[in-house]
């Protein structure tokens, strides 16, 4: 079981690092938010799953496992919603993607 926990934590670290590198390498604001939200959320969830298993199996602490699960649930809910609000705010202030989009759903929201 310890190997599974270590693999989950290592995979979470890889995804969290990839999200951080994506923020540094992406060309525009919206691409950076995509990298920060999707990849980092997956990284945090994998880390949390490893932490839940560690707390439940190795430490025999159901309370700690529940706390980690609640934190993971909050990240899962708030990260995408926060990113959407930030993207909508950036778009409303005139920041546009560098590449032309086929569909501009936010433009429809702002009557453009």
PDB file of N, CA and C in Angstrom:
ATOM      1  N   UNK A   1       0.828  -1.202   0.000  1.00  0.00           N
ATOM      2  CA  UNK A   1       0.000   0.000   0.000  1.00  0.00           C
ATOM      3  C   UNK A   1       0.872   1.266   0.000  1.00  0.00           C
ATOM      4  N   UNK A   2       2.026   1.161   0.650  1.00  0.00           N
ATOM      5  CA  UNK A   2       2.911   2.321   0.714  1.00  0.00           C
ATOM      6  C   UNK A   2       3.384   2.739  -0.678  1.00  0.00           C
ATOM      7  N   UNK A   3       3.578   1.789  -1.560  1.00  0.00           N
ATOM      8  CA  UNK A   3       4.019   2.102  -2.928  1.00  0.00           C
ATOM      9  C   UNK A   3       2.937   2.880  -3.667  1.00  0.00           C
ATOM     10  N   UNK A   4       1.683   2.495  -3.489  1.00  0.00           N
ATOM     11  CA  UNK A   4       0.566   3.205  -4.137  1.00  0.00           C
ATOM     12  C   UNK A   4       0.492   4.639  -3.623  1.00  0.00           C
ATOM     13  N   UNK A   5       0.643   4.809  -2.316  1.00  0.00           N
ATOM     14  CA  UNK A   5       0.608   6.156  -1.729  1.00  0.00           C
ATOM     15  C   UNK A   5       1.739   7.003  -2.291  1.00  0.00           C
ATOM     16  N   UNK A   6       2.946   6.435  -2.341  1.00  0.00           N
ATOM     17  CA  UNK A   6       4.092   7.180  -2.876  1.00  0.00           C
ATOM     18  C   UNK A   6       3.914   7.530  -4.350  1.00  0.00           C
ATOM     19  N   UNK A   7       3.333   6.618  -5.130  1.00  0.00           N
ATOM     20  CA  UNK A   7       3.077   6.895  -6.550  1.00  0.00           C
ATOM     21  C   UNK A   7       2.049   8.012  -6.726  1.00  0.00           C
ATOM     22  N   UNK A   8       1.000   8.011  -5.907  1.00  0.00           N
ATOM     23  CA  UNK A   8       0.000   9.089  -5.994  1.00  0.00           C
ATOM     24  C   UNK A   8       0.620  10.438  -5.650  1.00  0.00           C
ATOM     25  N   UNK A   9       1.419  10.466  -4.605  1.00  0.00           N
ATOM     26  CA  UNK A   9       2.063  11.721  -4.214  1.00  0.00           C
ATOM     27  C   UNK A   9       3.050  12.179  -5.290  1.00  0.00           C
ATOM     28  N   UNK A  10       3.811  11.249  -5.848  1.00  0.00           N
ATOM     29  CA  UNK A  10       4.758  11.612  -6.909  1.00  0.00           C
ATOM     30  C   UNK A  10       4.018  12.114  -8.153  1.00  0.00           C
ATOM     31  N   UNK A  11       2.931  11.453  -8.525  1.00  0.00           N
ATOM     32  CA  UNK A  11       2.149  11.908  -9.682  1.00  0.00           C
ATOM     33  C   UNK A  11       1.549  13.286  -9.421  1.00  0.00           C
ATOM     34  N   UNK A  12       1.078  13.514  -8.208  1.00  0.00           N
ATOM     35  CA  UNK A  12       0.550  14.835  -7.858  1.00  0.00           C
ATOM     36  C   UNK A  12       1.606  15.912  -7.966  1.00  0.00           C
ATOM     37  N   UNK A  13       2.812  15.605  -7.512  1.00  0.00           N
ATOM     38  CA  UNK A  13       3.905  16.575  -7.621  1.00  0.00           C
ATOM     39  C   UNK A  13       4.269  16.855  -9.073  1.00  0.00           C
ATOM     40  N   UNK A  14       4.244  15.826  -9.911  1.00  0.00           N
ATOM     41  CA  UNK A  14       4.542  16.013 -11.333  1.00  0.00           C
ATOM     42  C   UNK A  14       3.506  16.932 -11.978  1.00  0.00           C
ATOM     43  N   UNK A  15       2.226  16.694 -11.704  1.00  0.00           N
ATOM     44  CA  UNK A  15       1.186  17.537 -12.289  1.00  0.00           C
ATOM     45  C   UNK A  15       1.230  18.957 -11.741  1.00  0.00           C
ATOM     46  N   UNK A  16       1.481  19.112 -10.447  1.00  0.00           N
ATOM     47  CA  UNK A  16       1.582  20.455  -9.875  1.00  0.00           C
ATOM     48  C   UNK A  16       2.762  21.211 -10.475  1.00  0.00           C
ATOM     49  N   UNK A  17       3.883  20.520 -10.683  1.00  0.00           N
ATOM     50  CA  UNK A  17       5.044  21.150 -11.312  1.00  0.00           C
ATOM     51  C   UNK A  17       4.753  21.505 -12.769  1.00  0.00           C
ATOM     52  N   UNK A  18       4.064  20.611 -13.478  1.00  0.00           N
ATOM     53  CA  UNK A  18       3.706  20.903 -14.874  1.00  0.00           C
ATOM     54  C   UNK A  18       2.781  22.118 -14.956  1.00  0.00           C
ATOM     55  N   UNK A  19       1.863  22.248 -14.018  1.00  0.00           N
ATOM     56  CA  UNK A  19       0.993  23.427 -13.994  1.00  0.00           C
ATOM     57  C   UNK A  19       1.776  24.703 -13.751  1.00  0.00           C
ATOM     58  N   UNK A  20       2.760  24.633 -12.870  1.00  0.00           N
ATOM     59  CA  UNK A  20       3.598  25.799 -12.600  1.00  0.00           C
ATOM     60  C   UNK A  20       4.424  26.173 -13.828  1.00  0.00           C
ATOM     61  N   UNK A  21       5.004  25.183 -14.478  1.00  0.00           N
ATOM     62  CA  UNK A  21       5.761  25.467 -15.698  1.00  0.00           C
ATOM     63  C   UNK A  21       4.855  25.992 -16.809  1.00  0.00           C
ATOM     64  N   UNK A  22       3.613  25.494 -16.859  1.00  0.00           N
ATOM     65  CA  UNK A  22       2.656  25.992 -17.847  1.00  0.00           C
ATOM     66  C   UNK A  22       2.346  27.458 -17.650  1.00  0.00           C
ATOM     67  N   UNK A  23       2.267  27.888 -16.399  1.00  0.00           N
ATOM     68  CA  UNK A  23       2.028  29.306 -16.112  1.00  0.00           C
ATOM     69  C   UNK A  23       3.180  30.151 -16.643  1.00  0.00           C
ATOM     70  N   UNK A  24       4.392  29.649 -16.521  1.00  0.00           N
ATOM     71  CA  UNK A  24       5.559  30.415 -16.979  1.00  0.00           C
ATOM     72  C   UNK A  24       5.711  30.408 -18.498  1.00  0.00           C
ATOM     73  N   UNK A  25       5.288  29.336 -19.165  1.00  0.00           N
ATOM     74  CA  UNK A  25       5.558  29.171 -20.593  1.00  0.00           C
ATOM     75  C   UNK A  25       4.414  29.575 -21.527  1.00  0.00           C
ATOM     76  N   UNK A  26       3.202  29.632 -21.039  1.00  0.00           N
ATOM     77  CA  UNK A  26       2.064  29.924 -21.919  1.00  0.00           C
ATOM     78  C   UNK A  26       2.090  31.376 -22.390  1.00  0.00           C
ATOM     79  N   UNK A  27       1.556  31.636 -23.603  1.00  0.00           N
ATOM     80  CA  UNK A  27       1.719  32.953 -24.211  1.00  0.00           C
ATOM     81  C   UNK A  27       0.788  34.045 -23.690  1.00  0.00           C
ATOM     82  N   UNK A  28      -0.411  33.698 -23.253  1.00  0.00           N
ATOM     83  CA  UNK A  28      -1.335  34.761 -22.853  1.00  0.00           C
ATOM     84  C   UNK A  28      -2.047  34.400 -21.545  1.00  0.00           C
ATOM     85  N   UNK A  29      -2.819  35.349 -21.064  1.00  0.00           N
ATOM     86  CA  UNK A  29      -3.484  35.226 -19.770  1.00  0.00           C
ATOM     87  C   UNK A  29      -4.406  34.025 -19.700  1.00  0.00           C
ATOM     88  N   UNK A  30      -5.189  33.807 -20.722  1.00  0.00           N
ATOM     89  CA  UNK A  30      -6.183  32.736 -20.688  1.00  0.00           C
ATOM     90  C   UNK A  30      -5.530  31.359 -20.747  1.00  0.00           C
ATOM     91  N   UNK A  31      -4.461  31.229 -21.491  1.00  0.00           N
ATOM     92  CA  UNK A  31      -3.721  29.963 -21.523  1.00  0.00           C
ATOM     93  C   UNK A  31      -3.069  29.690 -20.176  1.00  0.00           C
ATOM     94  N   UNK A  32      -2.558  30.729 -19.543  1.00  0.00           N
ATOM     95  CA  UNK A  32      -1.946  30.564 -18.220  1.00  0.00           C
ATOM     96  C   UNK A  32      -2.976  30.130 -17.188  1.00  0.00           C
ATOM     97  N   UNK A  33      -4.164  30.698 -17.266  1.00  0.00           N
ATOM     98  CA  UNK A  33      -5.216  30.294 -16.324  1.00  0.00           C
ATOM     99  C   UNK A  33      -5.646  28.856 -16.560  1.00  0.00           C
ATOM    100  N   UNK A  34      -5.662  28.431 -17.808  1.00  0.00           N
ATOM    101  CA  UNK A  34      -5.984  27.042 -18.141  1.00  0.00           C
ATOM    102  C   UNK A  34      -4.983  26.105 -17.492  1.00  0.00           C
ATOM    103  N   UNK A  35      -3.703  26.433 -17.621  1.00  0.00           N
ATOM    104  CA  UNK A  35      -2.654  25.590 -17.031  1.00  0.00           C
ATOM    105  C   UNK A  35      -2.747  25.602 -15.508  1.00  0.00           C
ATOM    106  N   UNK A  36      -2.991  26.759 -14.949  1.00  0.00           N
ATOM    107  CA  UNK A  36      -3.057  26.867 -13.493  1.00  0.00           C
ATOM    108  C   UNK A  36      -4.251  26.123 -12.921  1.00  0.00           C
ATOM    109  N   UNK A  37      -5.363  26.142 -13.623  1.00  0.00           N
ATOM    110  CA  UNK A  37      -6.577  25.547 -13.085  1.00  0.00           C
ATOM    111  C   UNK A  37      -6.619  24.046 -13.289  1.00  0.00           C
ATOM    112  N   UNK A  38      -6.566  23.596 -14.507  1.00  0.00           N
ATOM    113  CA  UNK A  38      -6.782  22.165 -14.794  1.00  0.00           C
ATOM    114  C   UNK A  38      -5.652  21.292 -14.272  1.00  0.00           C
ATOM    115  N   UNK A  39      -4.436  21.606 -14.636  1.00  0.00           N
ATOM    116  CA  UNK A  39      -3.327  20.734 -14.289  1.00  0.00           C
ATOM    117  C   UNK A  39      -3.040  20.801 -12.793  1.00  0.00           C
ATOM    118  N   UNK A  40      -3.051  21.977 -12.215  1.00  0.00           N
ATOM    119  CA  UNK A  40      -2.770  22.093 -10.788  1.00  0.00           C
ATOM    120  C   UNK A  40      -3.874  21.469  -9.936  1.00  0.00           C
ATOM    121  N   UNK A  41      -5.115  21.569 -10.383  1.00  0.00           N
ATOM    122  CA  UNK A  41      -6.204  20.930  -9.646  1.00  0.00           C
ATOM    123  C   UNK A  41      -6.012  19.420  -9.632  1.00  0.00           C
ATOM    124  N   UNK A  42      -5.643  18.845 -10.755  1.00  0.00           N
ATOM    125  CA  UNK A  42      -5.383  17.413 -10.796  1.00  0.00           C
ATOM    126  C   UNK A  42      -4.215  17.052  -9.883  1.00  0.00           C
ATOM    127  N   UNK A  43      -3.175  17.867  -9.863  1.00  0.00           N
ATOM    128  CA  UNK A  43      -2.041  17.623  -8.986  1.00  0.00           C
ATOM    129  C   UNK A  43      -2.432  17.648  -7.517  1.00  0.00           C
ATOM    130  N   UNK A  44      -3.216  18.647  -7.130  1.00  0.00           N
ATOM    131  CA  UNK A  44      -3.659  18.741  -5.743  1.00  0.00           C
ATOM    132  C   UNK A  44      -4.564  17.567  -5.372  1.00  0.00           C
ATOM    133  N   UNK A  45      -5.420  17.146  -6.278  1.00  0.00           N
ATOM    134  CA  UNK A  45      -6.300  16.018  -5.987  1.00  0.00           C
ATOM    135  C   UNK A  45      -5.520  14.711  -5.848  1.00  0.00           C
ATOM    136  N   UNK A  46      -4.507  14.506  -6.665  1.00  0.00           N
ATOM    137  CA  UNK A  46      -3.672  13.312  -6.511  1.00  0.00           C
ATOM    138  C   UNK A  46      -2.897  13.346  -5.191  1.00  0.00           C
ATOM    139  N   UNK A  47      -2.365  14.506  -4.842  1.00  0.00           N
ATOM    140  CA  UNK A  47      -1.691  14.645  -3.555  1.00  0.00           C
ATOM    141  C   UNK A  47      -2.658  14.386  -2.401  1.00  0.00           C
ATOM    142  N   UNK A  48      -3.864  14.910  -2.512  1.00  0.00           N
ATOM    143  CA  UNK A  48      -4.858  14.704  -1.464  1.00  0.00           C
ATOM    144  C   UNK A  48      -5.250  13.232  -1.355  1.00  0.00           C
ATOM    145  N   UNK A  49      -5.400  12.568  -2.492  1.00  0.00           N
ATOM    146  CA  UNK A  49      -5.736  11.148  -2.456  1.00  0.00           C
ATOM    147  C   UNK A  49      -4.625  10.342  -1.780  1.00  0.00           C
ATOM    148  N   UNK A  50      -3.377  10.662  -2.101  1.00  0.00           N
ATOM    149  CA  UNK A  50      -2.260  10.027  -1.410  1.00  0.00           C
ATOM    150  C   UNK A  50      -2.276  10.325   0.078  1.00  0.00           C
ATOM    151  N   UNK A  51      -2.592  11.553   0.438  1.00  0.00           N
ATOM    152  CA  UNK A  51      -2.681  11.928   1.850  1.00  0.00           C
ATOM    153  C   UNK A  51      -3.822  11.228   2.572  1.00  0.00           C
ATOM    154  N   UNK A  52      -4.951  11.084   1.895  1.00  0.00           N
ATOM    155  CA  UNK A  52      -6.092  10.381   2.487  1.00  0.00           C
ATOM    156  C   UNK A  52      -5.736   8.924   2.751  1.00  0.00           C
ATOM    157  N   UNK A  53      -5.127   8.294   1.764  1.00  0.00           N
ATOM    158  CA  UNK A  53      -4.728   6.896   1.955  1.00  0.00           C
ATOM    159  C   UNK A  53      -3.689   6.760   3.065  1.00  0.00           C
ATOM    160  N   UNK A  54      -2.740   7.681   3.100  1.00  0.00           N
ATOM    161  CA  UNK A  54      -1.723   7.632   4.153  1.00  0.00           C
ATOM    162  C   UNK A  54      -2.360   7.796   5.530  1.00  0.00           C
ATOM    163  N   UNK A  55      -3.257   8.771   5.656  1.00  0.00           N
ATOM    164  CA  UNK A  55      -3.898   9.014   6.951  1.00  0.00           C
ATOM    165  C   UNK A  55      -4.774   7.835   7.365  1.00  0.00           C
ATOM    166  N   UNK A  56      -5.498   7.271   6.422  1.00  0.00           N
ATOM    167  CA  UNK A  56      -6.423   6.195   6.772  1.00  0.00           C
ATOM    168  C   UNK A  56      -5.713   4.873   7.013  1.00  0.00           C
ATOM    169  N   UNK A  57      -4.731   4.536   6.166  1.00  0.00           N
ATOM    170  CA  UNK A  57      -4.108   3.210   6.235  1.00  0.00           C
ATOM    171  C   UNK A  57      -2.888   3.201   7.160  1.00  0.00           C
ATOM    172  N   UNK A  58      -1.999   4.160   6.986  1.00  0.00           N
ATOM    173  CA  UNK A  58      -0.749   4.121   7.749  1.00  0.00           C
ATOM    174  C   UNK A  58      -0.898   4.705   9.151  1.00  0.00           C
ATOM    175  N   UNK A  59      -1.663   5.779   9.282  1.00  0.00           N
ATOM    176  CA  UNK A  59      -1.816   6.429  10.589  1.00  0.00           C
ATOM    177  C   UNK A  59      -3.066   5.955  11.330  1.00  0.00           C
ATOM    178  N   UNK A  60      -3.965   5.291  10.651  1.00  0.00           N
ATOM    179  CA  UNK A  60      -5.242   4.842  11.225  1.00  0.00           C
ATOM    180  C   UNK A  60      -6.026   6.017  11.823  1.00  0.00           C
ATOM    181  N   UNK A  61      -6.049   7.120  11.090  1.00  0.00           N
ATOM    182  CA  UNK A  61      -6.720   8.329  11.552  1.00  0.00           C
ATOM    183  C   UNK A  61      -7.804   8.721  10.562  1.00  0.00           C
ATOM    184  N   UNK A  62      -9.022   8.320  10.877  1.00  0.00           N
ATOM    185  CA  UNK A  62     -10.145   8.670  10.001  1.00  0.00           C
ATOM    186  C   UNK A  62     -10.397  10.168  10.014  1.00  0.00           C
ATOM    187  N   UNK A  63     -10.168  10.823  11.137  1.00  0.00           N
ATOM    188  CA  UNK A  63     -10.400  12.267  11.233  1.00  0.00           C
ATOM    189  C   UNK A  63      -9.482  13.030  10.283  1.00  0.00           C
ATOM    190  N   UNK A  64      -8.215  12.650  10.238  1.00  0.00           N
ATOM    191  CA  UNK A  64      -7.278  13.319   9.327  1.00  0.00           C
ATOM    192  C   UNK A  64      -7.654  13.065   7.877  1.00  0.00           C
ATOM    193  N   UNK A  65      -8.074  11.836   7.568  1.00  0.00           N
ATOM    194  CA  UNK A  65      -8.475  11.504   6.199  1.00  0.00           C
ATOM    195  C   UNK A  65      -9.685  12.333   5.781  1.00  0.00           C
ATOM    196  N   UNK A  66     -10.638  12.523   6.679  1.00  0.00           N
ATOM    197  CA  UNK A  66     -11.828  13.325   6.369  1.00  0.00           C
ATOM    198  C   UNK A  66     -11.446  14.784   6.148  1.00  0.00           C
ATOM    199  N   UNK A  67     -10.547  15.302   6.960  1.00  0.00           N
ATOM    200  CA  UNK A  67     -10.111  16.694   6.796  1.00  0.00           C
ATOM    201  C   UNK A  67      -9.439  16.905   5.442  1.00  0.00           C
ATOM    202  N   UNK A  68      -8.590  15.965   5.054  1.00  0.00           N
ATOM    203  CA  UNK A  68      -7.927  16.069   3.754  1.00  0.00           C
ATOM    204  C   UNK A  68      -8.944  15.968   2.624  1.00  0.00           C
ATOM    205  N   UNK A  69      -9.938  15.101   2.781  1.00  0.00           N
ATOM    206  CA  UNK A  69     -10.987  14.971   1.763  1.00  0.00           C
ATOM    207  C   UNK A  69     -11.793  16.259   1.624  1.00  0.00           C
ATOM    208  N   UNK A  70     -12.073  16.919   2.734  1.00  0.00           N
ATOM    209  CA  UNK A  70     -12.810  18.194   2.683  1.00  0.00           C
ATOM    210  C   UNK A  70     -11.973  19.262   1.979  1.00  0.00           C
ATOM    211  N   UNK A  71     -10.685  19.301   2.271  1.00  0.00           N
ATOM    212  CA  UNK A  71      -9.805  20.254   1.592  1.00  0.00           C
ATOM    213  C   UNK A  71      -9.784  19.987   0.092  1.00  0.00           C
ATOM    214  N   UNK A  72      -9.685  18.711  -0.299  1.00  0.00           N
ATOM    215  CA  UNK A  72      -9.684  18.359  -1.720  1.00  0.00           C
ATOM    216  C   UNK A  72     -10.993  18.759  -2.386  1.00  0.00           C
ATOM    217  N   UNK A  73     -12.100  18.555  -1.697  1.00  0.00           N
ATOM    218  CA  UNK A  73     -13.402  18.950  -2.238  1.00  0.00           C
ATOM    219  C   UNK A  73     -13.493  20.462  -2.423  1.00  0.00           C
ATOM    220  N   UNK A  74     -12.974  21.211  -1.464  1.00  0.00           N
ATOM    221  CA  UNK A  74     -12.989  22.675  -1.591  1.00  0.00           C
ATOM    222  C   UNK A  74     -12.128  23.142  -2.764  1.00  0.00           C
ATOM    223  N   UNK A  75     -10.974  22.523  -2.959  1.00  0.00           N
ATOM    224  CA  UNK A  75     -10.121  22.874  -4.104  1.00  0.00           C
ATOM    225  C   UNK A  75     -10.837  22.538  -5.405  1.00  0.00           C
ATOM    226  N   UNK A  76     -11.482  21.379  -5.434  1.00  0.00           N
ATOM    227  CA  UNK A  76     -12.193  20.948  -6.637  1.00  0.00           C
ATOM    228  C   UNK A  76     -13.324  21.899  -7.002  1.00  0.00           C
ATOM    229  N   UNK A  77     -13.959  22.488  -6.014  1.00  0.00           N
ATOM    230  CA  UNK A  77     -15.082  23.396  -6.275  1.00  0.00           C
ATOM    231  C   UNK A  77     -14.596  24.824  -6.549  1.00  0.00           C
ATOM    232  N   UNK A  78     -13.667  25.323  -5.743  1.00  0.00           N
ATOM    233  CA  UNK A  78     -13.313  26.739  -5.832  1.00  0.00           C
ATOM    234  C   UNK A  78     -12.316  27.075  -6.934  1.00  0.00           C
ATOM    235  N   UNK A  79     -11.416  26.183  -7.269  1.00  0.00           N
ATOM    236  CA  UNK A  79     -10.392  26.493  -8.263  1.00  0.00           C
ATOM    237  C   UNK A  79     -10.982  26.788  -9.654  1.00  0.00           C
ATOM    238  N   UNK A  80     -11.837  25.937 -10.206  1.00  0.00           N
ATOM    239  CA  UNK A  80     -12.412  26.256 -11.516  1.00  0.00           C
ATOM    240  C   UNK A  80     -13.338  27.485 -11.500  1.00  0.00           C
ATOM    241  N   UNK A  81     -14.092  27.642 -10.431  1.00  0.00           N
ATOM    242  CA  UNK A  81     -14.996  28.797 -10.347  1.00  0.00           C
ATOM    243  C   UNK A  81     -14.200  30.087 -10.261  1.00  0.00           C
ATOM    244  N   UNK A  82     -13.157  30.103  -9.432  1.00  0.00           N
ATOM    245  CA  UNK A  82     -12.311  31.286  -9.318  1.00  0.00           C
ATOM    246  C   UNK A  82     -11.617  31.625 -10.621  1.00  0.00           C
ATOM    247  N   UNK A  83     -11.146  30.606 -11.321  1.00  0.00           N
ATOM    248  CA  UNK A  83     -10.483  30.829 -12.598  1.00  0.00           C
ATOM    249  C   UNK A  83     -11.455  31.416 -13.627  1.00  0.00           C
ATOM    250  N   UNK A  84     -12.679  30.925 -13.630  1.00  0.00           N
ATOM    251  CA  UNK A  84     -13.677  31.453 -14.562  1.00  0.00           C
ATOM    252  C   UNK A  84     -13.965  32.923 -14.273  1.00  0.00           C
ATOM    253  N   UNK A  85     -14.085  33.269 -13.009  1.00  0.00           N
ATOM    254  CA  UNK A  85     -14.363  34.661 -12.641  1.00  0.00           C
ATOM    255  C   UNK A  85     -13.195  35.563 -13.029  1.00  0.00           C
ATOM    256  N   UNK A  86     -11.969  35.101 -12.805  1.00  0.00           N
ATOM    257  CA  UNK A  86     -10.802  35.896 -13.186  1.00  0.00           C
ATOM    258  C   UNK A  86     -10.733  36.062 -14.700  1.00  0.00           C
ATOM    259  N   UNK A  87     -11.021  34.997 -15.457  1.00  0.00           N
ATOM    260  CA  UNK A  87     -11.003  35.088 -16.920  1.00  0.00           C
ATOM    261  C   UNK A  87     -12.068  36.053 -17.416  1.00  0.00           C
ATOM    262  N   UNK A  88     -13.238  36.001 -16.826  1.00  0.00           N
ATOM    263  CA  UNK A  88     -14.305  36.904 -17.244  1.00  0.00           C
ATOM    264  C   UNK A  88     -13.954  38.360 -16.913  1.00  0.00           C
ATOM    265  N   UNK A  89     -13.326  38.572 -15.761  1.00  0.00           N
ATOM    266  CA  UNK A  89     -12.886  39.920 -15.400  1.00  0.00           C
ATOM    267  C   UNK A  89     -11.809  40.438 -16.331  1.00  0.00           C
ATOM    268  N   UNK A  90     -10.866  39.573 -16.690  1.00  0.00           N
ATOM    269  CA  UNK A  90      -9.807  39.984 -17.620  1.00  0.00           C
ATOM    270  C   UNK A  90     -10.399  40.321 -18.984  1.00  0.00           C
ATOM    271  N   UNK A  91     -11.335  39.506 -19.453  1.00  0.00           N
ATOM    272  CA  UNK A  91     -11.957  39.757 -20.753  1.00  0.00           C
ATOM    273  C   UNK A  91     -12.751  41.065 -20.734  1.00  0.00           C
ATOM    274  N   UNK A  92     -13.442  41.315 -19.643  1.00  0.00           N
ATOM    275  CA  UNK A  92     -14.242  42.543 -19.569  1.00  0.00           C
ATOM    276  C   UNK A  92     -13.370  43.792 -19.517  1.00  0.00           C
ATOM    277  N   UNK A  93     -12.111  43.653 -19.114  1.00  0.00           N
ATOM    278  CA  UNK A  93     -11.194  44.791 -19.081  1.00  0.00           C
ATOM    279  C   UNK A  93     -10.356  44.903 -20.349  1.00  0.00           C
ATOM    280  N   UNK A  94     -10.725  44.147 -21.381  1.00  0.00           N
ATOM    281  CA  UNK A  94     -10.095  44.318 -22.677  1.00  0.00           C
ATOM    282  C   UNK A  94      -8.938  43.390 -22.988  1.00  0.00           C
ATOM    283  N   UNK A  95      -8.624  42.466 -22.101  1.00  0.00           N
ATOM    284  CA  UNK A  95      -7.552  41.515 -22.382  1.00  0.00           C
ATOM    285  C   UNK A  95      -8.123  40.423 -23.278  1.00  0.00           C
ATOM    286  N   UNK A  96      -7.484  40.190 -24.419  1.00  0.00           N
ATOM    287  CA  UNK A  96      -7.950  39.196 -25.384  1.00  0.00           C
ATOM    288  C   UNK A  96      -6.867  38.154 -25.617  1.00  0.00           C
ATOM    289  N   UNK A  97      -7.271  36.948 -26.009  1.00  0.00           N
ATOM    290  CA  UNK A  97      -6.271  35.920 -26.335  1.00  0.00           C
ATOM    291  C   UNK A  97      -5.426  36.346 -27.534  1.00  0.00           C
ATOM    292  N   UNK A  98      -4.169  35.874 -27.568  1.00  0.00           N
ATOM    293  CA  UNK A  98      -3.277  36.227 -28.669  1.00  0.00           C
ATOM    294  C   UNK A  98      -3.691  35.548 -29.967  1.00  0.00           C
ATOM    295  N   UNK A  99      -4.236  34.354 -29.884  1.00  0.00           N
ATOM    296  CA  UNK A  99      -4.670  33.637 -31.082  1.00  0.00           C
ATOM    297  C   UNK A  99      -6.163  33.845 -31.285  1.00  0.00           C
ATOM    298  N   UNK A 100      -6.577  33.822 -32.528  1.00  0.00           N
ATOM    299  CA  UNK A 100      -7.991  34.003 -32.861  1.00  0.00           C
ATOM    300  C   UNK A 100      -8.780  32.755 -32.459  1.00  0.00           C
ATOM    301  N   UNK A 101      -9.880  32.969 -31.767  1.00  0.00           N
ATOM    302  CA  UNK A 101     -10.719  31.861 -31.335  1.00  0.00           C
ATOM    303  C   UNK A 101     -11.813  31.609 -32.369  1.00  0.00           C
ATOM    304  N   UNK A 102     -12.187  30.343 -32.538  1.00  0.00           N
ATOM    305  CA  UNK A 102     -13.303  30.012 -33.420  1.00  0.00           C
ATOM    306  C   UNK A 102     -14.623  30.462 -32.808  1.00  0.00           C
ATOM    307  N   UNK A 103     -14.752  30.289 -31.512  1.00  0.00           N
ATOM    308  CA  UNK A 103     -15.963  30.659 -30.797  1.00  0.00           C
ATOM    309  C   UNK A 103     -15.590  31.613 -29.682  1.00  0.00           C
ATOM    310  N   UNK A 104     -16.327  32.686 -29.545  1.00  0.00           N
ATOM    311  CA  UNK A 104     -16.064  33.671 -28.500  1.00  0.00           C
ATOM    312  C   UNK A 104     -17.305  33.798 -27.624  1.00  0.00           C
ATOM    313  N   UNK A 105     -17.451  32.860 -26.688  1.00  0.00           N
ATOM    314  CA  UNK A 105     -18.625  32.875 -25.816  1.00  0.00           C
ATOM    315  C   UNK A 105     -18.627  34.072 -24.875  1.00  0.00           C
ATOM    316  N   UNK A 106     -17.464  34.515 -24.420  1.00  0.00           N
ATOM    317  CA  UNK A 106     -17.425  35.674 -23.534  1.00  0.00           C
ATOM    318  C   UNK A 106     -17.816  36.942 -24.282  1.00  0.00           C
ATOM    319  N   UNK A 107     -17.458  37.038 -25.566  1.00  0.00           N
ATOM    320  CA  UNK A 107     -17.872  38.198 -26.359  1.00  0.00           C
ATOM    321  C   UNK A 107     -19.377  38.318 -26.429  1.00  0.00           C
ATOM    322  N   UNK A 108     -20.052  37.184 -26.493  1.00  0.00           N
ATOM    323  CA  UNK A 108     -21.514  37.176 -26.491  1.00  0.00           C
ATOM    324  C   UNK A 108     -22.051  37.722 -25.174  1.00  0.00           C
ATOM    325  N   UNK A 109     -21.391  37.391 -24.058  1.00  0.00           N
ATOM    326  CA  UNK A 109     -21.823  37.868 -22.753  1.00  0.00           C
ATOM    327  C   UNK A 109     -21.657  39.373 -22.609  1.00  0.00           C
ATOM    328  N   UNK A 110     -20.671  39.960 -23.330  1.00  0.00           N
ATOM    329  CA  UNK A 110     -20.412  41.374 -23.230  1.00  0.00           C
ATOM    330  C   UNK A 110     -20.915  42.153 -24.441  1.00  0.00           C
ATOM    331  N   UNK A 111     -21.782  41.549 -25.227  1.00  0.00           N
ATOM    332  CA  UNK A 111     -22.394  42.177 -26.414  1.00  0.00           C
ATOM    333  C   UNK A 111     -21.350  42.685 -27.409  1.00  0.00           C
ATOM    334  N   UNK A 112     -20.381  41.844 -27.730  1.00  0.00           N
ATOM    335  CA  UNK A 112     -19.365  42.231 -28.714  1.00  0.00           C
ATOM    336  C   UNK A 112     -19.581  41.480 -29.996  1.00  0.00           C
TER     337      UNK A 112
END
